[in-house]
Amino acid sequence: MRVVGAARDRSGMIVLITATTMASLIPLAVGDATDTLFGSIALATAGGTLFGTIGAMWVLPLMLMPLTRPRFHFRLPKFRIPKIPAPFRKRS
């Protein structure tokens, strides 16, 4: 659930940056024709920003969630260290 919490914490900033970027690109993309240089660059940047936002907010957390869930509990087997007997003493 750490992935969901991290996505929730950062979602406000991602939406804010995306909104301001789109607000600055939409007049340039709409005002110029898409066959002009600035219009096509603005349209491509706006599309990349939207798809990047969707990827950062939905696709990436959904891909990371299975990696953070433990599927099984790995336990080490109990291992006893054998006692080493005292060395044999020579009897005289």
PDB file of N, CA and C in Angstrom:
ATOM      1  N   MET A   1       0.807  -1.202   0.000  1.00  0.00           N
ATOM      2  CA  MET A   1       0.000   0.000   0.000  1.00  0.00           C
ATOM      3  C   MET A   1       0.847   1.262   0.000  1.00  0.00           C
ATOM      4  N   ARG A   2       2.159   1.077   0.065  1.00  0.00           N
ATOM      5  CA  ARG A   2       3.028   2.244   0.016  1.00  0.00           C
ATOM      6  C   ARG A   2       2.974   2.919  -1.350  1.00  0.00           C
ATOM      7  N   VAL A   3       2.756   2.119  -2.403  1.00  0.00           N
ATOM      8  CA  VAL A   3       2.674   2.692  -3.747  1.00  0.00           C
ATOM      9  C   VAL A   3       1.442   3.582  -3.871  1.00  0.00           C
ATOM     10  N   VAL A   4       0.328   3.128  -3.330  1.00  0.00           N
ATOM     11  CA  VAL A   4      -0.903   3.921  -3.389  1.00  0.00           C
ATOM     12  C   VAL A   4      -0.740   5.207  -2.583  1.00  0.00           C
ATOM     13  N   GLY A   5      -0.122   5.129  -1.428  1.00  0.00           N
ATOM     14  CA  GLY A   5       0.107   6.335  -0.621  1.00  0.00           C
ATOM     15  C   GLY A   5       1.028   7.321  -1.316  1.00  0.00           C
ATOM     16  N   ALA A   6       2.068   6.810  -1.964  1.00  0.00           N
ATOM     17  CA  ALA A   6       2.981   7.700  -2.685  1.00  0.00           C
ATOM     18  C   ALA A   6       2.284   8.342  -3.876  1.00  0.00           C
ATOM     19  N   ALA A   7       1.451   7.577  -4.580  1.00  0.00           N
ATOM     20  CA  ALA A   7       0.706   8.146  -5.711  1.00  0.00           C
ATOM     21  C   ALA A   7      -0.286   9.198  -5.233  1.00  0.00           C
ATOM     22  N   ARG A   8      -0.916   8.948  -4.097  1.00  0.00           N
ATOM     23  CA  ARG A   8      -1.874   9.916  -3.555  1.00  0.00           C
ATOM     24  C   ARG A   8      -1.163  11.197  -3.119  1.00  0.00           C
ATOM     25  N   ASP A   9       0.014  11.077  -2.528  1.00  0.00           N
ATOM     26  CA  ASP A   9       0.755  12.260  -2.088  1.00  0.00           C
ATOM     27  C   ASP A   9       1.183  13.144  -3.254  1.00  0.00           C
ATOM     28  N   ARG A  10       1.567  12.531  -4.350  1.00  0.00           N
ATOM     29  CA  ARG A  10       2.107  13.287  -5.468  1.00  0.00           C
ATOM     30  C   ARG A  10       1.069  13.669  -6.511  1.00  0.00           C
ATOM     31  N   SER A  11      -0.143  13.174  -6.392  1.00  0.00           N
ATOM     32  CA  SER A  11      -1.141  13.412  -7.431  1.00  0.00           C
ATOM     33  C   SER A  11      -1.531  14.885  -7.537  1.00  0.00           C
ATOM     34  N   GLY A  12      -1.604  15.584  -6.433  1.00  0.00           N
ATOM     35  CA  GLY A  12      -1.958  17.012  -6.478  1.00  0.00           C
ATOM     36  C   GLY A  12      -0.944  17.829  -7.249  1.00  0.00           C
ATOM     37  N   MET A  13       0.323  17.560  -7.013  1.00  0.00           N
ATOM     38  CA  MET A  13       1.374  18.302  -7.718  1.00  0.00           C
ATOM     39  C   MET A  13       1.389  17.943  -9.207  1.00  0.00           C
ATOM     40  N   ILE A  14       1.168  16.672  -9.525  1.00  0.00           N
ATOM     41  CA  ILE A  14       1.154  16.262 -10.928  1.00  0.00           C
ATOM     42  C   ILE A  14       0.006  16.925 -11.675  1.00  0.00           C
ATOM     43  N   VAL A  15      -1.173  16.958 -11.062  1.00  0.00           N
ATOM     44  CA  VAL A  15      -2.335  17.587 -11.706  1.00  0.00           C
ATOM     45  C   VAL A  15      -2.116  19.087 -11.855  1.00  0.00           C
ATOM     46  N   LEU A  16      -1.534  19.726 -10.874  1.00  0.00           N
ATOM     47  CA  LEU A  16      -1.289  21.163 -10.941  1.00  0.00           C
ATOM     48  C   LEU A  16      -0.309  21.501 -12.062  1.00  0.00           C
ATOM     49  N   ILE A  17       0.770  20.768 -12.159  1.00  0.00           N
ATOM     50  CA  ILE A  17       1.757  21.035 -13.209  1.00  0.00           C
ATOM     51  C   ILE A  17       1.167  20.747 -14.586  1.00  0.00           C
ATOM     52  N   THR A  18       0.392  19.657 -14.688  1.00  0.00           N
ATOM     53  CA  THR A  18      -0.239  19.344 -15.971  1.00  0.00           C
ATOM     54  C   THR A  18      -1.232  20.433 -16.371  1.00  0.00           C
ATOM     55  N   ALA A  19      -2.011  20.922 -15.438  1.00  0.00           N
ATOM     56  CA  ALA A  19      -2.997  21.961 -15.744  1.00  0.00           C
ATOM     57  C   ALA A  19      -2.328  23.250 -16.203  1.00  0.00           C
ATOM     58  N   THR A  20      -1.256  23.654 -15.545  1.00  0.00           N
ATOM     59  CA  THR A  20      -0.577  24.880 -15.953  1.00  0.00           C
ATOM     60  C   THR A  20       0.121  24.717 -17.298  1.00  0.00           C
ATOM     61  N   THR A  21       0.671  23.540 -17.539  1.00  0.00           N
ATOM     62  CA  THR A  21       1.316  23.303 -18.833  1.00  0.00           C
ATOM     63  C   THR A  21       0.291  23.305 -19.956  1.00  0.00           C
ATOM     64  N   MET A  22      -0.843  22.643 -19.710  1.00  0.00           N
ATOM     65  CA  MET A  22      -1.888  22.625 -20.734  1.00  0.00           C
ATOM     66  C   MET A  22      -2.470  24.022 -20.956  1.00  0.00           C
ATOM     67  N   ALA A  23      -2.593  24.809 -19.898  1.00  0.00           N
ATOM     68  CA  ALA A  23      -3.119  26.165 -20.033  1.00  0.00           C
ATOM     69  C   ALA A  23      -2.192  27.037 -20.884  1.00  0.00           C
ATOM     70  N   SER A  24      -0.911  26.754 -20.837  1.00  0.00           N
ATOM     71  CA  SER A  24       0.005  27.547 -21.652  1.00  0.00           C
ATOM     72  C   SER A  24       0.141  27.009 -23.075  1.00  0.00           C
ATOM     73  N   LEU A  25      -0.131  25.724 -23.284  1.00  0.00           N
ATOM     74  CA  LEU A  25       0.036  25.144 -24.614  1.00  0.00           C
ATOM     75  C   LEU A  25      -1.217  25.208 -25.476  1.00  0.00           C
ATOM     76  N   ILE A  26      -2.386  25.178 -24.856  1.00  0.00           N
ATOM     77  CA  ILE A  26      -3.628  25.146 -25.637  1.00  0.00           C
ATOM     78  C   ILE A  26      -3.800  26.394 -26.514  1.00  0.00           C
ATOM     79  N   PRO A  27      -3.547  27.615 -26.031  1.00  0.00           N
ATOM     80  CA  PRO A  27      -3.680  28.776 -26.936  1.00  0.00           C
ATOM     81  C   PRO A  27      -2.719  28.709 -28.115  1.00  0.00           C
ATOM     82  N   LEU A  28      -1.543  28.190 -27.902  1.00  0.00           N
ATOM     83  CA  LEU A  28      -0.577  28.079 -28.995  1.00  0.00           C
ATOM     84  C   LEU A  28      -1.004  27.015 -29.993  1.00  0.00           C
ATOM     85  N   ALA A  29      -1.539  25.893 -29.484  1.00  0.00           N
ATOM     86  CA  ALA A  29      -1.966  24.817 -30.380  1.00  0.00           C
ATOM     87  C   ALA A  29      -3.234  25.178 -31.134  1.00  0.00           C
ATOM     88  N   VAL A  30      -4.148  25.894 -30.497  1.00  0.00           N
ATOM     89  CA  VAL A  30      -5.416  26.258 -31.144  1.00  0.00           C
ATOM     90  C   VAL A  30      -5.224  27.471 -32.049  1.00  0.00           C
ATOM     91  N   GLY A  31      -4.401  28.400 -31.641  1.00  0.00           N
ATOM     92  CA  GLY A  31      -4.223  29.631 -32.407  1.00  0.00           C
ATOM     93  C   GLY A  31      -3.499  29.416 -33.717  1.00  0.00           C
ATOM     94  N   ASP A  32      -2.524  28.535 -33.745  1.00  0.00           N
ATOM     95  CA  ASP A  32      -1.787  28.257 -34.976  1.00  0.00           C
ATOM     96  C   ASP A  32      -2.348  26.997 -35.623  1.00  0.00           C
ATOM     97  N   ALA A  33      -2.187  26.919 -36.900  1.00  0.00           N
ATOM     98  CA  ALA A  33      -2.591  25.691 -37.590  1.00  0.00           C
ATOM     99  C   ALA A  33      -1.594  24.582 -37.247  1.00  0.00           C
ATOM    100  N   THR A  34      -2.072  23.367 -37.332  1.00  0.00           N
ATOM    101  CA  THR A  34      -1.186  22.255 -36.950  1.00  0.00           C
ATOM    102  C   THR A  34      -0.094  21.999 -37.980  1.00  0.00           C
ATOM    103  N   ASP A  35      -0.191  22.620 -39.155  1.00  0.00           N
ATOM    104  CA  ASP A  35       0.878  22.441 -40.136  1.00  0.00           C
ATOM    105  C   ASP A  35       2.008  23.449 -39.939  1.00  0.00           C
ATOM    106  N   THR A  36       1.842  24.416 -39.042  1.00  0.00           N
ATOM    107  CA  THR A  36       2.941  25.327 -38.734  1.00  0.00           C
ATOM    108  C   THR A  36       3.834  24.692 -37.678  1.00  0.00           C
ATOM    109  N   LEU A  37       5.017  25.219 -37.556  1.00  0.00           N
ATOM    110  CA  LEU A  37       6.000  24.643 -36.636  1.00  0.00           C
ATOM    111  C   LEU A  37       5.546  24.744 -35.185  1.00  0.00           C
ATOM    112  N   PHE A  38       5.150  25.918 -34.746  1.00  0.00           N
ATOM    113  CA  PHE A  38       4.773  26.088 -33.346  1.00  0.00           C
ATOM    114  C   PHE A  38       3.484  25.355 -32.992  1.00  0.00           C
ATOM    115  N   GLY A  39       2.532  25.316 -33.905  1.00  0.00           N
ATOM    116  CA  GLY A  39       1.289  24.607 -33.648  1.00  0.00           C
ATOM    117  C   GLY A  39       1.502  23.112 -33.503  1.00  0.00           C
ATOM    118  N   SER A  40       2.335  22.540 -34.359  1.00  0.00           N
ATOM    119  CA  SER A  40       2.582  21.101 -34.261  1.00  0.00           C
ATOM    120  C   SER A  40       3.409  20.754 -33.028  1.00  0.00           C
ATOM    121  N   ILE A  41       4.363  21.595 -32.661  1.00  0.00           N
ATOM    122  CA  ILE A  41       5.151  21.342 -31.448  1.00  0.00           C
ATOM    123  C   ILE A  41       4.259  21.457 -30.211  1.00  0.00           C
ATOM    124  N   ALA A  42       3.382  22.452 -30.177  1.00  0.00           N
ATOM    125  CA  ALA A  42       2.479  22.612 -29.032  1.00  0.00           C
ATOM    126  C   ALA A  42       1.513  21.450 -28.929  1.00  0.00           C
ATOM    127  N   LEU A  43       0.999  20.975 -30.055  1.00  0.00           N
ATOM    128  CA  LEU A  43       0.082  19.841 -30.046  1.00  0.00           C
ATOM    129  C   LEU A  43       0.786  18.570 -29.577  1.00  0.00           C
ATOM    130  N   ALA A  44       1.999  18.343 -30.059  1.00  0.00           N
ATOM    131  CA  ALA A  44       2.754  17.154 -29.635  1.00  0.00           C
ATOM    132  C   ALA A  44       3.118  17.225 -28.157  1.00  0.00           C
ATOM    133  N   THR A  45       3.505  18.393 -27.680  1.00  0.00           N
ATOM    134  CA  THR A  45       3.858  18.543 -26.275  1.00  0.00           C
ATOM    135  C   THR A  45       2.632  18.375 -25.381  1.00  0.00           C
ATOM    136  N   ALA A  46       1.501  18.910 -25.806  1.00  0.00           N
ATOM    137  CA  ALA A  46       0.274  18.756 -25.016  1.00  0.00           C
ATOM    138  C   ALA A  46      -0.143  17.290 -24.953  1.00  0.00           C
ATOM    139  N   GLY A  47      -0.084  16.595 -26.073  1.00  0.00           N
ATOM    140  CA  GLY A  47      -0.426  15.166 -26.067  1.00  0.00           C
ATOM    141  C   GLY A  47       0.527  14.346 -25.212  1.00  0.00           C
ATOM    142  N   GLY A  48       1.807  14.638 -25.300  1.00  0.00           N
ATOM    143  CA  GLY A  48       2.780  13.931 -24.462  1.00  0.00           C
ATOM    144  C   GLY A  48       2.592  14.215 -22.994  1.00  0.00           C
ATOM    145  N   THR A  49       2.223  15.443 -22.668  1.00  0.00           N
ATOM    146  CA  THR A  49       1.967  15.794 -21.270  1.00  0.00           C
ATOM    147  C   THR A  49       0.758  15.054 -20.721  1.00  0.00           C
ATOM    148  N   LEU A  50      -0.307  14.989 -21.509  1.00  0.00           N
ATOM    149  CA  LEU A  50      -1.506  14.273 -21.058  1.00  0.00           C
ATOM    150  C   LEU A  50      -1.234  12.781 -20.873  1.00  0.00           C
ATOM    151  N   PHE A  51      -0.596  12.152 -21.845  1.00  0.00           N
ATOM    152  CA  PHE A  51      -0.317  10.731 -21.719  1.00  0.00           C
ATOM    153  C   PHE A  51       0.722  10.433 -20.640  1.00  0.00           C
ATOM    154  N   GLY A  52       1.653  11.346 -20.444  1.00  0.00           N
ATOM    155  CA  GLY A  52       2.617  11.176 -19.350  1.00  0.00           C
ATOM    156  C   GLY A  52       1.960  11.282 -17.985  1.00  0.00           C
ATOM    157  N   THR A  53       0.987  12.180 -17.879  1.00  0.00           N
ATOM    158  CA  THR A  53       0.242  12.315 -16.629  1.00  0.00           C
ATOM    159  C   THR A  53      -0.579  11.066 -16.337  1.00  0.00           C
ATOM    160  N   ILE A  54      -1.239  10.561 -17.360  1.00  0.00           N
ATOM    161  CA  ILE A  54      -2.013   9.322 -17.177  1.00  0.00           C
ATOM    162  C   ILE A  54      -1.085   8.181 -16.784  1.00  0.00           C
ATOM    163  N   GLY A  55       0.061   8.111 -17.418  1.00  0.00           N
ATOM    164  CA  GLY A  55       1.017   7.061 -17.078  1.00  0.00           C
ATOM    165  C   GLY A  55       1.567   7.194 -15.672  1.00  0.00           C
ATOM    166  N   ALA A  56       1.851   8.416 -15.267  1.00  0.00           N
ATOM    167  CA  ALA A  56       2.426   8.618 -13.933  1.00  0.00           C
ATOM    168  C   ALA A  56       1.415   8.400 -12.821  1.00  0.00           C
ATOM    169  N   MET A  57       0.141   8.693 -13.105  1.00  0.00           N
ATOM    170  CA  MET A  57      -0.860   8.597 -12.046  1.00  0.00           C
ATOM    171  C   MET A  57      -1.579   7.261 -11.995  1.00  0.00           C
ATOM    172  N   TRP A  58      -1.676   6.551 -13.123  1.00  0.00           N
ATOM    173  CA  TRP A  58      -2.450   5.309 -13.148  1.00  0.00           C
ATOM    174  C   TRP A  58      -1.628   4.092 -13.542  1.00  0.00           C
ATOM    175  N   VAL A  59      -0.917   4.174 -14.654  1.00  0.00           N
ATOM    176  CA  VAL A  59      -0.247   2.986 -15.192  1.00  0.00           C
ATOM    177  C   VAL A  59       0.918   2.559 -14.307  1.00  0.00           C
ATOM    178  N   LEU A  60       1.779   3.470 -13.956  1.00  0.00           N
ATOM    179  CA  LEU A  60       2.949   3.119 -13.152  1.00  0.00           C
ATOM    180  C   LEU A  60       2.591   2.575 -11.772  1.00  0.00           C
ATOM    181  N   PRO A  61       1.676   3.192 -11.007  1.00  0.00           N
ATOM    182  CA  PRO A  61       1.302   2.574  -9.729  1.00  0.00           C
ATOM    183  C   PRO A  61       0.656   1.203  -9.886  1.00  0.00           C
ATOM    184  N   LEU A  62      -0.141   1.014 -10.950  1.00  0.00           N
ATOM    185  CA  LEU A  62      -0.737  -0.307 -11.169  1.00  0.00           C
ATOM    186  C   LEU A  62       0.311  -1.353 -11.512  1.00  0.00           C
ATOM    187  N   MET A  63       1.374  -0.933 -12.179  1.00  0.00           N
ATOM    188  CA  MET A  63       2.450  -1.881 -12.494  1.00  0.00           C
ATOM    189  C   MET A  63       3.294  -2.201 -11.268  1.00  0.00           C
ATOM    190  N   LEU A  64       3.436  -1.259 -10.359  1.00  0.00           N
ATOM    191  CA  LEU A  64       4.288  -1.467  -9.186  1.00  0.00           C
ATOM    192  C   LEU A  64       3.580  -2.179  -8.037  1.00  0.00           C
ATOM    193  N   MET A  65       2.266  -2.150  -8.013  1.00  0.00           N
ATOM    194  CA  MET A  65       1.543  -2.759  -6.892  1.00  0.00           C
ATOM    195  C   MET A  65       1.813  -4.254  -6.734  1.00  0.00           C
ATOM    196  N   PRO A  66       1.856  -5.059  -7.792  1.00  0.00           N
ATOM    197  CA  PRO A  66       2.152  -6.484  -7.573  1.00  0.00           C
ATOM    198  C   PRO A  66       3.561  -6.727  -7.037  1.00  0.00           C
ATOM    199  N   LEU A  67       4.474  -5.822  -7.311  1.00  0.00           N
ATOM    200  CA  LEU A  67       5.841  -6.005  -6.826  1.00  0.00           C
ATOM    201  C   LEU A  67       5.976  -5.720  -5.341  1.00  0.00           C
ATOM    202  N   THR A  68       5.081  -4.916  -4.790  1.00  0.00           N
ATOM    203  CA  THR A  68       5.195  -4.555  -3.382  1.00  0.00           C
ATOM    204  C   THR A  68       4.407  -5.488  -2.473  1.00  0.00           C
ATOM    205  N   ARG A  69       3.494  -6.291  -3.029  1.00  0.00           N
ATOM    206  CA  ARG A  69       2.730  -7.228  -2.205  1.00  0.00           C
ATOM    207  C   ARG A  69       3.534  -8.501  -1.990  1.00  0.00           C
ATOM    208  N   PRO A  70       3.643  -8.941  -0.771  1.00  0.00           N
ATOM    209  CA  PRO A  70       4.321 -10.217  -0.559  1.00  0.00           C
ATOM    210  C   PRO A  70       3.429 -11.367  -1.012  1.00  0.00           C
ATOM    211  N   ARG A  71       3.947 -12.210  -1.870  1.00  0.00           N
ATOM    212  CA  ARG A  71       3.159 -13.339  -2.362  1.00  0.00           C
ATOM    213  C   ARG A  71       3.261 -14.537  -1.433  1.00  0.00           C
ATOM    214  N   PHE A  72       4.364 -14.663  -0.778  1.00  0.00           N
ATOM    215  CA  PHE A  72       4.534 -15.760   0.156  1.00  0.00           C
ATOM    216  C   PHE A  72       5.472 -15.290   1.257  1.00  0.00           C
ATOM    217  N   HIS A  73       5.421 -15.965   2.343  1.00  0.00           N
ATOM    218  CA  HIS A  73       6.292 -15.629   3.457  1.00  0.00           C
ATOM    219  C   HIS A  73       7.442 -16.615   3.460  1.00  0.00           C
ATOM    220  N   PHE A  74       8.613 -16.104   3.301  1.00  0.00           N
ATOM    221  CA  PHE A  74       9.790 -16.949   3.280  1.00  0.00           C
ATOM    222  C   PHE A  74      10.352 -17.019   4.688  1.00  0.00           C
ATOM    223  N   ARG A  75      10.437 -18.201   5.191  1.00  0.00           N
ATOM    224  CA  ARG A  75      11.008 -18.392   6.520  1.00  0.00           C
ATOM    225  C   ARG A  75      12.207 -19.301   6.414  1.00  0.00           C
ATOM    226  N   LEU A  76      13.224 -18.908   7.086  1.00  0.00           N
ATOM    227  CA  LEU A  76      14.414 -19.747   7.102  1.00  0.00           C
ATOM    228  C   LEU A  76      14.159 -20.968   7.977  1.00  0.00           C
ATOM    229  N   PRO A  77      14.665 -22.118   7.555  1.00  0.00           N
ATOM    230  CA  PRO A  77      14.472 -23.291   8.405  1.00  0.00           C
ATOM    231  C   PRO A  77      15.286 -23.157   9.681  1.00  0.00           C
ATOM    232  N   LYS A  78      14.767 -23.753  10.729  1.00  0.00           N
ATOM    233  CA  LYS A  78      15.505 -23.713  11.984  1.00  0.00           C
ATOM    234  C   LYS A  78      16.711 -24.625  11.871  1.00  0.00           C
ATOM    235  N   PHE A  79      17.827 -24.076  12.226  1.00  0.00           N
ATOM    236  CA  PHE A  79      19.074 -24.822  12.103  1.00  0.00           C
ATOM    237  C   PHE A  79      19.771 -24.803  13.451  1.00  0.00           C
ATOM    238  N   ARG A  80      20.087 -25.967  13.936  1.00  0.00           N
ATOM    239  CA  ARG A  80      20.814 -26.055  15.197  1.00  0.00           C
ATOM    240  C   ARG A  80      22.277 -26.302  14.910  1.00  0.00           C
ATOM    241  N   ILE A  81      23.081 -25.576  15.614  1.00  0.00           N
ATOM    242  CA  ILE A  81      24.519 -25.786  15.487  1.00  0.00           C
ATOM    243  C   ILE A  81      24.886 -26.967  16.374  1.00  0.00           C
ATOM    244  N   PRO A  82      25.469 -27.989  15.775  1.00  0.00           N
ATOM    245  CA  PRO A  82      25.805 -29.149  16.598  1.00  0.00           C
ATOM    246  C   PRO A  82      26.919 -28.819  17.591  1.00  0.00           C
ATOM    247  N   LYS A  83      26.816 -29.422  18.754  1.00  0.00           N
ATOM    248  CA  LYS A  83      27.854 -29.212  19.759  1.00  0.00           C
ATOM    249  C   LYS A  83      29.056 -30.068  19.408  1.00  0.00           C
ATOM    250  N   ILE A  84      30.190 -29.435  19.452  1.00  0.00           N
ATOM    251  CA  ILE A  84      31.424 -30.150  19.153  1.00  0.00           C
ATOM    252  C   ILE A  84      31.921 -30.773  20.450  1.00  0.00           C
ATOM    253  N   PRO A  85      32.106 -32.068  20.456  1.00  0.00           N
ATOM    254  CA  PRO A  85      32.558 -32.695  21.695  1.00  0.00           C
ATOM    255  C   PRO A  85      33.982 -32.262  22.037  1.00  0.00           C
ATOM    256  N   ALA A  86      34.270 -32.298  23.322  1.00  0.00           N
ATOM    257  CA  ALA A  86      35.624 -31.943  23.773  1.00  0.00           C
ATOM    258  C   ALA A  86      36.612 -32.945  23.181  1.00  0.00           C
ATOM    259  N   PRO A  87      37.794 -32.488  22.867  1.00  0.00           N
ATOM    260  CA  PRO A  87      38.777 -33.406  22.277  1.00  0.00           C
ATOM    261  C   PRO A  87      39.122 -34.529  23.257  1.00  0.00           C
ATOM    262  N   PHE A  88      39.390 -35.650  22.691  1.00  0.00           N
ATOM    263  CA  PHE A  88      39.770 -36.788  23.519  1.00  0.00           C
ATOM    264  C   PHE A  88      41.103 -36.526  24.189  1.00  0.00           C
ATOM    265  N   ARG A  89      41.181 -36.838  25.444  1.00  0.00           N
ATOM    266  CA  ARG A  89      42.433 -36.625  26.182  1.00  0.00           C
ATOM    267  C   ARG A  89      43.198 -37.935  26.279  1.00  0.00           C
ATOM    268  N   LYS A  90      44.447 -37.784  26.181  1.00  0.00           N
ATOM    269  CA  LYS A  90      45.301 -38.976  26.314  1.00  0.00           C
ATOM    270  C   LYS A  90      45.419 -39.303  27.790  1.00  0.00           C
ATOM    271  N   ARG A  91      45.210 -40.568  28.066  1.00  0.00           N
ATOM    272  CA  ARG A  91      45.384 -40.989  29.447  1.00  0.00           C
ATOM    273  C   ARG A  91      46.798 -41.516  29.623  1.00  0.00           C
ATOM    274  N   SER A  92      47.413 -41.125  30.644  1.00  0.00           N
ATOM    275  CA  SER A  92      48.769 -41.604  30.871  1.00  0.00           C
ATOM    276  C   SER A  92      48.848 -42.628  31.963  1.00  0.00           C
TER     277      SER A  92
END
